[in-house]
Amino acid sequence: IDELPQFYNVLFGNMSVVGPRPHMLKHTDEYANRVDKYMLRHFVKPGI
């Protein structure tokens, strides 16, 4: 239920109902350098 306010993000266009879960900025920087093809998930909007 804590994720429900993200439907405002969906309405505003930042997110989609379904998609890769958005990560914290710190984790994006960390995984981009550590996990191969990590950035490919950002070709679409993140999802709830």
All heavy atoms as atom14 arrays in JSON, in Angstrom:
{
  "sequence": "IDELPQFYNVLFGNMSVVGPRPHMLKHTDEYANRVDKYMLRHFVKPGI",
  "atom14_mask": [
    [1, 1, 1, 1, 1, 1, 1, 1, 0, 0, 0, 0, 0, 0],
    [1, 1, 1, 1, 1, 1, 1, 1, 0, 0, 0, 0, 0, 0],
    [1, 1, 1, 1, 1, 1, 1, 1, 1, 0, 0, 0, 0, 0],
    [1, 1, 1, 1, 1, 1, 1, 1, 0, 0, 0, 0, 0, 0],
    [1, 1, 1, 1, 1, 1, 1, 0, 0, 0, 0, 0, 0, 0],
    [1, 1, 1, 1, 1, 1, 1, 1, 1, 0, 0, 0, 0, 0],
    [1, 1, 1, 1, 1, 1, 1, 1, 1, 1, 1, 0, 0, 0],
    [1, 1, 1, 1, 1, 1, 1, 1, 1, 1, 1, 1, 0, 0],
    [1, 1, 1, 1, 1, 1, 1, 1, 0, 0, 0, 0, 0, 0],
    [1, 1, 1, 1, 1, 1, 1, 0, 0, 0, 0, 0, 0, 0],
    [1, 1, 1, 1, 1, 1, 1, 1, 0, 0, 0, 0, 0, 0],
    [1, 1, 1, 1, 1, 1, 1, 1, 1, 1, 1, 0, 0, 0],
    [1, 1, 1, 1, 0, 0, 0, 0, 0, 0, 0, 0, 0, 0],
    [1, 1, 1, 1, 1, 1, 1, 1, 0, 0, 0, 0, 0, 0],
    [1, 1, 1, 1, 1, 1, 1, 1, 0, 0, 0, 0, 0, 0],
    [1, 1, 1, 1, 1, 1, 0, 0, 0, 0, 0, 0, 0, 0],
    [1, 1, 1, 1, 1, 1, 1, 0, 0, 0, 0, 0, 0, 0],
    [1, 1, 1, 1, 1, 1, 1, 0, 0, 0, 0, 0, 0, 0],
    [1, 1, 1, 1, 0, 0, 0, 0, 0, 0, 0, 0, 0, 0],
    [1, 1, 1, 1, 1, 1, 1, 0, 0, 0, 0, 0, 0, 0],
    [1, 1, 1, 1, 1, 1, 1, 1, 1, 1, 1, 0, 0, 0],
    [1, 1, 1, 1, 1, 1, 1, 0, 0, 0, 0, 0, 0, 0],
    [1, 1, 1, 1, 1, 1, 1, 1, 1, 1, 0, 0, 0, 0],
    [1, 1, 1, 1, 1, 1, 1, 1, 0, 0, 0, 0, 0, 0],
    [1, 1, 1, 1, 1, 1, 1, 1, 0, 0, 0, 0, 0, 0],
    [1, 1, 1, 1, 1, 1, 1, 1, 1, 0, 0, 0, 0, 0],
    [1, 1, 1, 1, 1, 1, 1, 1, 1, 1, 0, 0, 0, 0],
    [1, 1, 1, 1, 1, 1, 1, 0, 0, 0, 0, 0, 0, 0],
    [1, 1, 1, 1, 1, 1, 1, 1, 0, 0, 0, 0, 0, 0],
    [1, 1, 1, 1, 1, 1, 1, 1, 1, 0, 0, 0, 0, 0],
    [1, 1, 1, 1, 1, 1, 1, 1, 1, 1, 1, 1, 0, 0],
    [1, 1, 1, 1, 1, 0, 0, 0, 0, 0, 0, 0, 0, 0],
    [1, 1, 1, 1, 1, 1, 1, 1, 0, 0, 0, 0, 0, 0],
    [1, 1, 1, 1, 1, 1, 1, 1, 1, 1, 1, 0, 0, 0],
    [1, 1, 1, 1, 1, 1, 1, 0, 0, 0, 0, 0, 0, 0],
    [1, 1, 1, 1, 1, 1, 1, 1, 0, 0, 0, 0, 0, 0],
    [1, 1, 1, 1, 1, 1, 1, 1, 1, 0, 0, 0, 0, 0],
    [1, 1, 1, 1, 1, 1, 1, 1, 1, 1, 1, 1, 0, 0],
    [1, 1, 1, 1, 1, 1, 1, 1, 0, 0, 0, 0, 0, 0],
    [1, 1, 1, 1, 1, 1, 1, 1, 0, 0, 0, 0, 0, 0],
    [1, 1, 1, 1, 1, 1, 1, 1, 1, 1, 1, 0, 0, 0],
    [1, 1, 1, 1, 1, 1, 1, 1, 1, 1, 0, 0, 0, 0],
    [1, 1, 1, 1, 1, 1, 1, 1, 1, 1, 1, 0, 0, 0],
    [1, 1, 1, 1, 1, 1, 1, 0, 0, 0, 0, 0, 0, 0],
    [1, 1, 1, 1, 1, 1, 1, 1, 1, 0, 0, 0, 0, 0],
    [1, 1, 1, 1, 1, 1, 1, 0, 0, 0, 0, 0, 0, 0],
    [1, 1, 1, 1, 0, 0, 0, 0, 0, 0, 0, 0, 0, 0],
    [1, 1, 1, 1, 1, 1, 1, 1, 0, 0, 0, 0, 0, 0]
  ],
  "atom14_positions": [
    [[0.84, -1.21, 0.0], [0.0, 0.0, 0.0], [0.87, 1.25, 0.0], [0.45, 2.3, -0.49], [-0.96, -0.02, 1.22], [-2.01, -1.12, 1.03], [-1.63, 1.33, 1.42], [-2.92, -1.3, 2.22], [0.0, 0.0, 0.0], [0.0, 0.0, 0.0], [0.0, 0.0, 0.0], [0.0, 0.0, 0.0], [0.0, 0.0, 0.0], [0.0, 0.0, 0.0]],
    [[2.09, 1.14, 0.54], [2.96, 2.31, 0.58], [3.31, 2.82, -0.82], [3.7, 3.98, -1.0], [4.25, 2.0, 1.35], [5.07, 0.9, 0.7], [4.47, -0.07, 0.19], [6.3, 1.01, 0.7], [0.0, 0.0, 0.0], [0.0, 0.0, 0.0], [0.0, 0.0, 0.0], [0.0, 0.0, 0.0], [0.0, 0.0, 0.0], [0.0, 0.0, 0.0]],
    [[3.16, 1.97, -1.85], [3.48, 2.36, -3.22], [2.34, 3.11, -3.91], [2.53, 3.65, -5.01], [3.82, 1.11, -4.06], [4.81, 0.16, -3.43], [6.25, 0.65, -3.53], [6.47, 1.74, -4.09], [7.15, -0.06, -3.03], [0.0, 0.0, 0.0], [0.0, 0.0, 0.0], [0.0, 0.0, 0.0], [0.0, 0.0, 0.0], [0.0, 0.0, 0.0]],
    [[1.14, 3.13, -3.32], [-0.02, 3.71, -4.0], [0.16, 5.16, -4.46], [-0.32, 5.52, -5.54], [-1.26, 3.6, -3.1], [-1.86, 2.2, -2.93], [-3.06, 2.24, -2.0], [-2.27, 1.63, -4.29], [0.0, 0.0, 0.0], [0.0, 0.0, 0.0], [0.0, 0.0, 0.0], [0.0, 0.0, 0.0], [0.0, 0.0, 0.0], [0.0, 0.0, 0.0]],
    [[0.83, 6.04, -3.69], [1.02, 7.42, -4.19], [1.78, 7.5, -5.51], [1.76, 8.53, -6.19], [1.79, 8.09, -3.06], [1.43, 7.33, -1.83], [1.31, 5.92, -2.3], [0.0, 0.0, 0.0], [0.0, 0.0, 0.0], [0.0, 0.0, 0.0], [0.0, 0.0, 0.0], [0.0, 0.0, 0.0], [0.0, 0.0, 0.0], [0.0, 0.0, 0.0]],
    [[2.45, 6.41, -5.91], [3.17, 6.43, -7.18], [2.22, 6.48, -8.37], [2.64, 6.73, -9.51], [4.11, 5.23, -7.26], [5.32, 5.39, -6.36], [6.11, 4.11, -6.17], [6.16, 3.25, -7.06], [6.72, 3.96, -5.01], [0.0, 0.0, 0.0], [0.0, 0.0, 0.0], [0.0, 0.0, 0.0], [0.0, 0.0, 0.0], [0.0, 0.0, 0.0]],
    [[0.92, 6.26, -8.12], [-0.04, 6.44, -9.22], [-0.13, 7.92, -9.61], [-0.52, 8.23, -10.74], [-1.41, 5.89, -8.83], [-1.48, 4.39, -8.95], [-1.39, 3.58, -7.82], [-1.62, 3.78, -10.19], [-1.44, 2.19, -7.93], [-1.67, 2.4, -10.32], [-1.58, 1.6, -9.18], [0.0, 0.0, 0.0], [0.0, 0.0, 0.0], [0.0, 0.0, 0.0]],
    [[0.24, 8.83, -8.7], [0.38, 10.24, -9.09], [1.57, 10.4, -10.03], [1.5, 11.18, -10.99], [0.55, 11.12, -7.85], [-0.69, 11.26, -7.01], [-0.79, 10.65, -5.76], [-1.78, 12.0, -7.47], [-1.94, 10.76, -5.0], [-2.94, 12.13, -6.71], [-3.01, 11.51, -5.47], [-4.15, 11.62, -4.72], [0.0, 0.0, 0.0], [0.0, 0.0, 0.0]],
    [[2.66, 9.68, -9.76], [3.8, 9.68, -10.68], [3.39, 9.19, -12.07], [3.83, 9.72, -13.09], [4.93, 8.8, -10.16], [5.69, 9.42, -9.0], [5.67, 8.91, -7.89], [6.36, 10.53, -9.25], [0.0, 0.0, 0.0], [0.0, 0.0, 0.0], [0.0, 0.0, 0.0], [0.0, 0.0, 0.0], [0.0, 0.0, 0.0], [0.0, 0.0, 0.0]],
    [[2.54, 8.15, -12.09], [2.06, 7.61, -13.36], [1.23, 8.65, -14.1], [1.41, 8.88, -15.29], [1.23, 6.33, -13.13], [0.61, 5.84, -14.44], [2.1, 5.23, -12.52], [0.0, 0.0, 0.0], [0.0, 0.0, 0.0], [0.0, 0.0, 0.0], [0.0, 0.0, 0.0], [0.0, 0.0, 0.0], [0.0, 0.0, 0.0], [0.0, 0.0, 0.0]],
    [[0.33, 9.31, -13.37], [-0.52, 10.33, -13.98], [0.31, 11.5, -14.51], [0.02, 12.03, -15.59], [-1.54, 10.83, -12.95], [-2.64, 11.77, -13.48], [-3.49, 11.06, -14.54], [-3.52, 12.25, -12.33], [0.0, 0.0, 0.0], [0.0, 0.0, 0.0], [0.0, 0.0, 0.0], [0.0, 0.0, 0.0], [0.0, 0.0, 0.0], [0.0, 0.0, 0.0]],
    [[1.36, 11.88, -13.78], [2.21, 13.0, -14.19], [3.16, 12.61, -15.33], [3.77, 13.48, -15.93], [3.04, 13.51, -13.01], [2.21, 14.04, -11.88], [2.72, 14.04, -10.57], [0.92, 14.51, -12.08], [1.95, 14.52, -9.52], [0.15, 14.99, -11.03], [0.67, 15.0, -9.74], [0.0, 0.0, 0.0], [0.0, 0.0, 0.0], [0.0, 0.0, 0.0]],
    [[3.3, 11.31, -15.6], [4.13, 10.86, -16.71], [5.55, 10.45, -16.33], [6.35, 10.13, -17.2], [0.0, 0.0, 0.0], [0.0, 0.0, 0.0], [0.0, 0.0, 0.0], [0.0, 0.0, 0.0], [0.0, 0.0, 0.0], [0.0, 0.0, 0.0], [0.0, 0.0, 0.0], [0.0, 0.0, 0.0], [0.0, 0.0, 0.0], [0.0, 0.0, 0.0]],
    [[5.89, 10.46, -15.02], [7.23, 10.04, -14.6], [7.39, 8.53, -14.59], [8.51, 8.02, -14.73], [7.53, 10.53, -13.17], [7.36, 12.02, -13.02], [6.67, 12.48, -12.12], [7.99, 12.79, -13.9], [0.0, 0.0, 0.0], [0.0, 0.0, 0.0], [0.0, 0.0, 0.0], [0.0, 0.0, 0.0], [0.0, 0.0, 0.0], [0.0, 0.0, 0.0]],
    [[6.28, 7.83, -14.38], [6.31, 6.37, -14.25], [5.19, 5.75, -15.08], [4.32, 6.45, -15.61], [6.16, 5.96, -12.78], [7.31, 6.36, -11.87], [7.03, 5.86, -10.13], [7.05, 4.07, -10.27], [0.0, 0.0, 0.0], [0.0, 0.0, 0.0], [0.0, 0.0, 0.0], [0.0, 0.0, 0.0], [0.0, 0.0, 0.0], [0.0, 0.0, 0.0]],
    [[5.22, 4.43, -15.16], [4.16, 3.65, -15.78], [3.62, 2.69, -14.72], [4.25, 2.48, -13.69], [4.7, 2.89, -16.98], [3.67, 2.14, -17.61], [0.0, 0.0, 0.0], [0.0, 0.0, 0.0], [0.0, 0.0, 0.0], [0.0, 0.0, 0.0], [0.0, 0.0, 0.0], [0.0, 0.0, 0.0], [0.0, 0.0, 0.0], [0.0, 0.0, 0.0]],
    [[2.45, 2.12, -14.96], [1.92, 1.14, -14.02], [2.85, -0.07, -13.96], [3.16, -0.58, -12.89], [0.49, 0.71, -14.41], [-0.01, -0.4, -13.48], [-0.47, 1.89, -14.37], [0.0, 0.0, 0.0], [0.0, 0.0, 0.0], [0.0, 0.0, 0.0], [0.0, 0.0, 0.0], [0.0, 0.0, 0.0], [0.0, 0.0, 0.0], [0.0, 0.0, 0.0]],
    [[3.32, -0.5, -15.13], [4.22, -1.66, -15.21], [5.52, -1.23, -15.88], [5.52, -0.52, -16.88], [3.58, -2.81, -16.01], [4.52, -4.01, -16.06], [2.25, -3.21, -15.4], [0.0, 0.0, 0.0], [0.0, 0.0, 0.0], [0.0, 0.0, 0.0], [0.0, 0.0, 0.0], [0.0, 0.0, 0.0], [0.0, 0.0, 0.0], [0.0, 0.0, 0.0]],
    [[6.63, -1.69, -15.31], [7.95, -1.38, -15.86], [9.02, -1.75, -14.86], [8.71, -2.18, -13.73], [0.0, 0.0, 0.0], [0.0, 0.0, 0.0], [0.0, 0.0, 0.0], [0.0, 0.0, 0.0], [0.0, 0.0, 0.0], [0.0, 0.0, 0.0], [0.0, 0.0, 0.0], [0.0, 0.0, 0.0], [0.0, 0.0, 0.0], [0.0, 0.0, 0.0]],
    [[10.27, -1.61, -15.21], [11.34, -1.87, -14.24], [11.23, -0.92, -13.04], [10.97, 0.27, -13.22], [12.63, -1.57, -15.04], [12.22, -1.68, -16.47], [10.8, -1.23, -16.53], [0.0, 0.0, 0.0], [0.0, 0.0, 0.0], [0.0, 0.0, 0.0], [0.0, 0.0, 0.0], [0.0, 0.0, 0.0], [0.0, 0.0, 0.0], [0.0, 0.0, 0.0]],
    [[11.4, -1.43, -11.84], [11.28, -0.59, -10.65], [12.38, 0.47, -10.64], [13.55, 0.19, -10.95], [11.39, -1.43, -9.38], [10.12, -2.19, -9.04], [8.98, -1.28, -8.67], [9.26, -0.49, -7.46], [8.61, 0.62, -7.12], [7.68, 1.1, -7.9], [8.91, 1.23, -6.01], [0.0, 0.0, 0.0], [0.0, 0.0, 0.0], [0.0, 0.0, 0.0]],
    [[12.04, 1.73, -10.3], [13.06, 2.78, -10.27], [13.98, 2.62, -9.07], [13.52, 2.3, -7.97], [12.23, 4.06, -10.16], [10.97, 3.64, -9.46], [10.71, 2.24, -9.92], [0.0, 0.0, 0.0], [0.0, 0.0, 0.0], [0.0, 0.0, 0.0], [0.0, 0.0, 0.0], [0.0, 0.0, 0.0], [0.0, 0.0, 0.0], [0.0, 0.0, 0.0]],
    [[15.25, 2.83, -9.26], [16.22, 2.69, -8.18], [16.67, 4.05, -7.67], [16.59, 5.06, -8.37], [17.45, 1.9, -8.67], [17.18, 0.45, -8.9], [18.04, -0.38, -9.57], [16.12, -0.32, -8.53], [17.54, -1.61, -9.61], [16.38, -1.59, -8.99], [0.0, 0.0, 0.0], [0.0, 0.0, 0.0], [0.0, 0.0, 0.0], [0.0, 0.0, 0.0]],
    [[17.17, 4.07, -6.44], [17.75, 5.29, -5.88], [18.96, 5.7, -6.72], [19.62, 4.86, -7.33], [18.16, 5.06, -4.42], [16.99, 4.84, -3.47], [17.49, 4.75, -1.73], [18.32, 3.17, -1.69], [0.0, 0.0, 0.0], [0.0, 0.0, 0.0], [0.0, 0.0, 0.0], [0.0, 0.0, 0.0], [0.0, 0.0, 0.0], [0.0, 0.0, 0.0]],
    [[19.25, 6.99, -6.74], [20.36, 7.5, -7.55], [21.67, 6.81, -7.18], [22.48, 6.48, -8.05], [20.49, 9.02, -7.38], [19.23, 9.85, -7.67], [19.57, 11.33, -7.59], [18.65, 9.51, -9.04], [0.0, 0.0, 0.0], [0.0, 0.0, 0.0], [0.0, 0.0, 0.0], [0.0, 0.0, 0.0], [0.0, 0.0, 0.0], [0.0, 0.0, 0.0]],
    [[21.87, 6.61, -5.89], [23.1, 5.96, -5.42], [23.23, 4.56, -5.99], [24.31, 4.15, -6.43], [23.08, 5.91, -3.89], [24.21, 5.11, -3.25], [24.07, 5.11, -1.74], [25.16, 4.26, -1.07], [24.98, 2.83, -1.38], [0.0, 0.0, 0.0], [0.0, 0.0, 0.0], [0.0, 0.0, 0.0], [0.0, 0.0, 0.0], [0.0, 0.0, 0.0]],
    [[22.13, 3.82, -6.01], [22.16, 2.46, -6.51], [22.32, 2.42, -8.03], [22.96, 1.5, -8.57], [20.89, 1.72, -6.09], [20.84, 1.42, -4.64], [19.68, 1.11, -3.96], [21.82, 1.42, -3.69], [19.94, 0.91, -2.68], [21.23, 1.1, -2.5], [0.0, 0.0, 0.0], [0.0, 0.0, 0.0], [0.0, 0.0, 0.0], [0.0, 0.0, 0.0]],
    [[21.73, 3.4, -8.74], [21.91, 3.46, -10.19], [23.38, 3.62, -10.55], [23.9, 2.93, -11.41], [21.1, 4.62, -10.78], [19.7, 4.39, -10.54], [21.32, 4.73, -12.28], [0.0, 0.0, 0.0], [0.0, 0.0, 0.0], [0.0, 0.0, 0.0], [0.0, 0.0, 0.0], [0.0, 0.0, 0.0], [0.0, 0.0, 0.0], [0.0, 0.0, 0.0]],
    [[24.06, 4.54, -9.85], [25.49, 4.75, -10.11], [26.29, 3.5, -9.78], [27.23, 3.13, -10.51], [26.01, 5.93, -9.27], [25.42, 7.26, -9.71], [24.98, 7.34, -10.88], [25.38, 8.2, -8.9], [0.0, 0.0, 0.0], [0.0, 0.0, 0.0], [0.0, 0.0, 0.0], [0.0, 0.0, 0.0], [0.0, 0.0, 0.0], [0.0, 0.0, 0.0]],
    [[25.91, 2.84, -8.71], [26.65, 1.65, -8.27], [26.46, 0.49, -9.25], [27.44, -0.14, -9.69], [26.17, 1.25, -6.87], [26.8, -0.03, -6.34], [26.19, -0.47, -5.01], [25.48, 0.35, -4.37], [26.41, -1.63, -4.63], [0.0, 0.0, 0.0], [0.0, 0.0, 0.0], [0.0, 0.0, 0.0], [0.0, 0.0, 0.0], [0.0, 0.0, 0.0]],
    [[25.2, 0.2, -9.61], [24.92, -0.95, -10.45], [25.31, -0.72, -11.91], [25.63, -1.68, -12.62], [23.44, -1.32, -10.37], [22.99, -1.74, -8.98], [21.77, -1.32, -8.47], [23.8, -2.55, -8.19], [21.36, -1.7, -7.19], [23.39, -2.94, -6.91], [22.17, -2.51, -6.42], [21.77, -2.88, -5.17], [0.0, 0.0, 0.0], [0.0, 0.0, 0.0]],
    [[25.28, 0.53, -12.37], [25.67, 0.82, -13.75], [27.11, 0.41, -14.0], [27.47, -0.01, -15.12], [25.47, 2.3, -14.05], [0.0, 0.0, 0.0], [0.0, 0.0, 0.0], [0.0, 0.0, 0.0], [0.0, 0.0, 0.0], [0.0, 0.0, 0.0], [0.0, 0.0, 0.0], [0.0, 0.0, 0.0], [0.0, 0.0, 0.0], [0.0, 0.0, 0.0]],
    [[27.96, 0.54, -12.99], [29.37, 0.18, -13.12], [29.64, -1.29, -12.78], [30.72, -1.8, -13.07], [30.22, 1.06, -12.19], [30.17, 2.52, -12.59], [30.21, 2.84, -13.77], [30.08, 3.42, -11.61], [0.0, 0.0, 0.0], [0.0, 0.0, 0.0], [0.0, 0.0, 0.0], [0.0, 0.0, 0.0], [0.0, 0.0, 0.0], [0.0, 0.0, 0.0]],
    [[28.65, -1.94, -12.2], [28.87, -3.3, -11.69], [28.11, -4.37, -12.45], [28.59, -5.5, -12.59], [28.46, -3.34, -10.21], [29.06, -4.47, -9.42], [28.71, -4.32, -7.96], [27.47, -4.96, -7.6], [26.73, -4.67, -6.53], [27.12, -3.69, -5.73], [25.63, -5.32, -6.25], [0.0, 0.0, 0.0], [0.0, 0.0, 0.0], [0.0, 0.0, 0.0]],
    [[26.94, -4.04, -12.96], [26.07, -5.02, -13.61], [26.0, -4.73, -15.1], [25.59, -3.65, -15.51], [24.65, -5.0, -12.99], [23.79, -6.06, -13.65], [24.73, -5.22, -11.48], [0.0, 0.0, 0.0], [0.0, 0.0, 0.0], [0.0, 0.0, 0.0], [0.0, 0.0, 0.0], [0.0, 0.0, 0.0], [0.0, 0.0, 0.0], [0.0, 0.0, 0.0]],
    [[26.38, -5.7, -15.9], [26.39, -5.53, -17.35], [24.97, -5.3, -17.89], [24.02, -5.95, -17.46], [26.99, -6.77, -18.01], [27.23, -6.58, -19.5], [27.63, -5.47, -19.88], [27.02, -7.55, -20.25], [0.0, 0.0, 0.0], [0.0, 0.0, 0.0], [0.0, 0.0, 0.0], [0.0, 0.0, 0.0], [0.0, 0.0, 0.0], [0.0, 0.0, 0.0]],
    [[24.85, -4.35, -18.81], [23.59, -3.98, -19.48], [22.56, -3.41, -18.51], [21.36, -3.37, -18.83], [23.01, -5.18, -20.24], [23.92, -5.74, -21.32], [23.23, -6.83, -22.09], [24.19, -7.51, -23.05], [24.73, -6.62, -24.07], [0.0, 0.0, 0.0], [0.0, 0.0, 0.0], [0.0, 0.0, 0.0], [0.0, 0.0, 0.0], [0.0, 0.0, 0.0]],
    [[22.99, -2.98, -17.35], [22.07, -2.41, -16.36], [21.28, -1.23, -16.94], [20.08, -1.09, -16.7], [22.84, -1.97, -15.12], [22.0, -1.23, -14.09], [21.24, -1.93, -13.16], [21.96, 0.17, -14.07], [20.46, -1.25, -12.23], [21.18, 0.84, -13.15], [20.44, 0.13, -12.24], [19.67, 0.8, -11.32], [0.0, 0.0, 0.0], [0.0, 0.0, 0.0]],
    [[21.96, -0.35, -17.7], [21.32, 0.87, -18.19], [20.24, 0.61, -19.23], [19.43, 1.48, -19.51], [22.38, 1.82, -18.77], [23.34, 2.38, -17.73], [22.5, 3.27, -16.4], [21.88, 4.68, -17.29], [0.0, 0.0, 0.0], [0.0, 0.0, 0.0], [0.0, 0.0, 0.0], [0.0, 0.0, 0.0], [0.0, 0.0, 0.0], [0.0, 0.0, 0.0]],
    [[20.21, -0.59, -19.79], [19.2, -0.91, -20.79], [17.79, -0.78, -20.24], [16.84, -0.47, -20.99], [19.43, -2.34, -21.31], [18.64, -2.77, -22.55], [19.0, -1.91, -23.75], [18.89, -4.24, -22.85], [0.0, 0.0, 0.0], [0.0, 0.0, 0.0], [0.0, 0.0, 0.0], [0.0, 0.0, 0.0], [0.0, 0.0, 0.0], [0.0, 0.0, 0.0]],
    [[17.61, -0.96, -18.94], [16.29, -0.86, -18.32], [15.73, 0.55, -18.39], [14.52, 0.76, -18.22], [16.36, -1.35, -16.86], [17.14, -0.42, -15.95], [17.62, -1.12, -14.68], [16.55, -1.69, -13.91], [15.82, -1.02, -13.02], [16.06, 0.27, -12.83], [14.88, -1.61, -12.35], [0.0, 0.0, 0.0], [0.0, 0.0, 0.0], [0.0, 0.0, 0.0]],
    [[16.58, 1.55, -18.65], [16.11, 2.93, -18.71], [15.64, 3.34, -20.09], [15.37, 4.52, -20.34], [17.22, 3.87, -18.22], [17.61, 3.63, -16.8], [18.81, 3.06, -16.44], [16.94, 3.85, -15.64], [18.86, 2.95, -15.11], [17.74, 3.42, -14.62], [0.0, 0.0, 0.0], [0.0, 0.0, 0.0], [0.0, 0.0, 0.0], [0.0, 0.0, 0.0]],
    [[15.52, 2.38, -21.02], [14.94, 2.66, -22.32], [13.42, 2.84, -22.22], [12.78, 3.29, -23.17], [15.23, 1.52, -23.3], [16.49, 1.73, -24.1], [17.47, 0.76, -24.14], [16.68, 2.89, -24.84], [18.62, 0.93, -24.89], [17.83, 3.08, -25.59], [18.8, 2.1, -25.62], [0.0, 0.0, 0.0], [0.0, 0.0, 0.0], [0.0, 0.0, 0.0]],
    [[12.82, 2.44, -21.09], [11.38, 2.61, -20.88], [11.14, 3.27, -19.52], [12.06, 3.36, -18.7], [10.64, 1.25, -20.93], [10.85, 0.57, -22.27], [11.08, 0.33, -19.8], [0.0, 0.0, 0.0], [0.0, 0.0, 0.0], [0.0, 0.0, 0.0], [0.0, 0.0, 0.0], [0.0, 0.0, 0.0], [0.0, 0.0, 0.0], [0.0, 0.0, 0.0]],
    [[9.93, 3.72, -19.29], [9.6, 4.33, -18.0], [9.62, 3.29, -16.9], [9.26, 2.12, -17.12], [8.21, 4.96, -18.05], [8.12, 6.24, -18.85], [6.72, 6.8, -18.77], [6.58, 8.05, -19.63], [5.2, 8.6, -19.58], [0.0, 0.0, 0.0], [0.0, 0.0, 0.0], [0.0, 0.0, 0.0], [0.0, 0.0, 0.0], [0.0, 0.0, 0.0]],
    [[10.04, 3.68, -15.7], [9.97, 2.76, -14.56], [8.52, 2.51, -14.17], [7.63, 3.3, -14.5], [10.72, 3.5, -13.45], [10.59, 4.94, -13.81], [10.58, 5.0, -15.31], [0.0, 0.0, 0.0], [0.0, 0.0, 0.0], [0.0, 0.0, 0.0], [0.0, 0.0, 0.0], [0.0, 0.0, 0.0], [0.0, 0.0, 0.0], [0.0, 0.0, 0.0]],
    [[8.28, 1.4, -13.47], [6.91, 1.04, -13.13], [6.68, 0.88, -11.64], [7.62, 0.73, -10.86], [0.0, 0.0, 0.0], [0.0, 0.0, 0.0], [0.0, 0.0, 0.0], [0.0, 0.0, 0.0], [0.0, 0.0, 0.0], [0.0, 0.0, 0.0], [0.0, 0.0, 0.0], [0.0, 0.0, 0.0], [0.0, 0.0, 0.0], [0.0, 0.0, 0.0]],
    [[5.4, 0.91, -11.25], [5.02, 0.63, -9.86], [5.26, -0.85, -9.56], [5.68, -1.22, -8.47], [3.54, 0.99, -9.63], [3.34, 2.51, -9.8], [3.08, 0.55, -8.24], [1.9, 2.95, -9.68], [0.0, 0.0, 0.0], [0.0, 0.0, 0.0], [0.0, 0.0, 0.0], [0.0, 0.0, 0.0], [0.0, 0.0, 0.0], [0.0, 0.0, 0.0]]
  ]
}
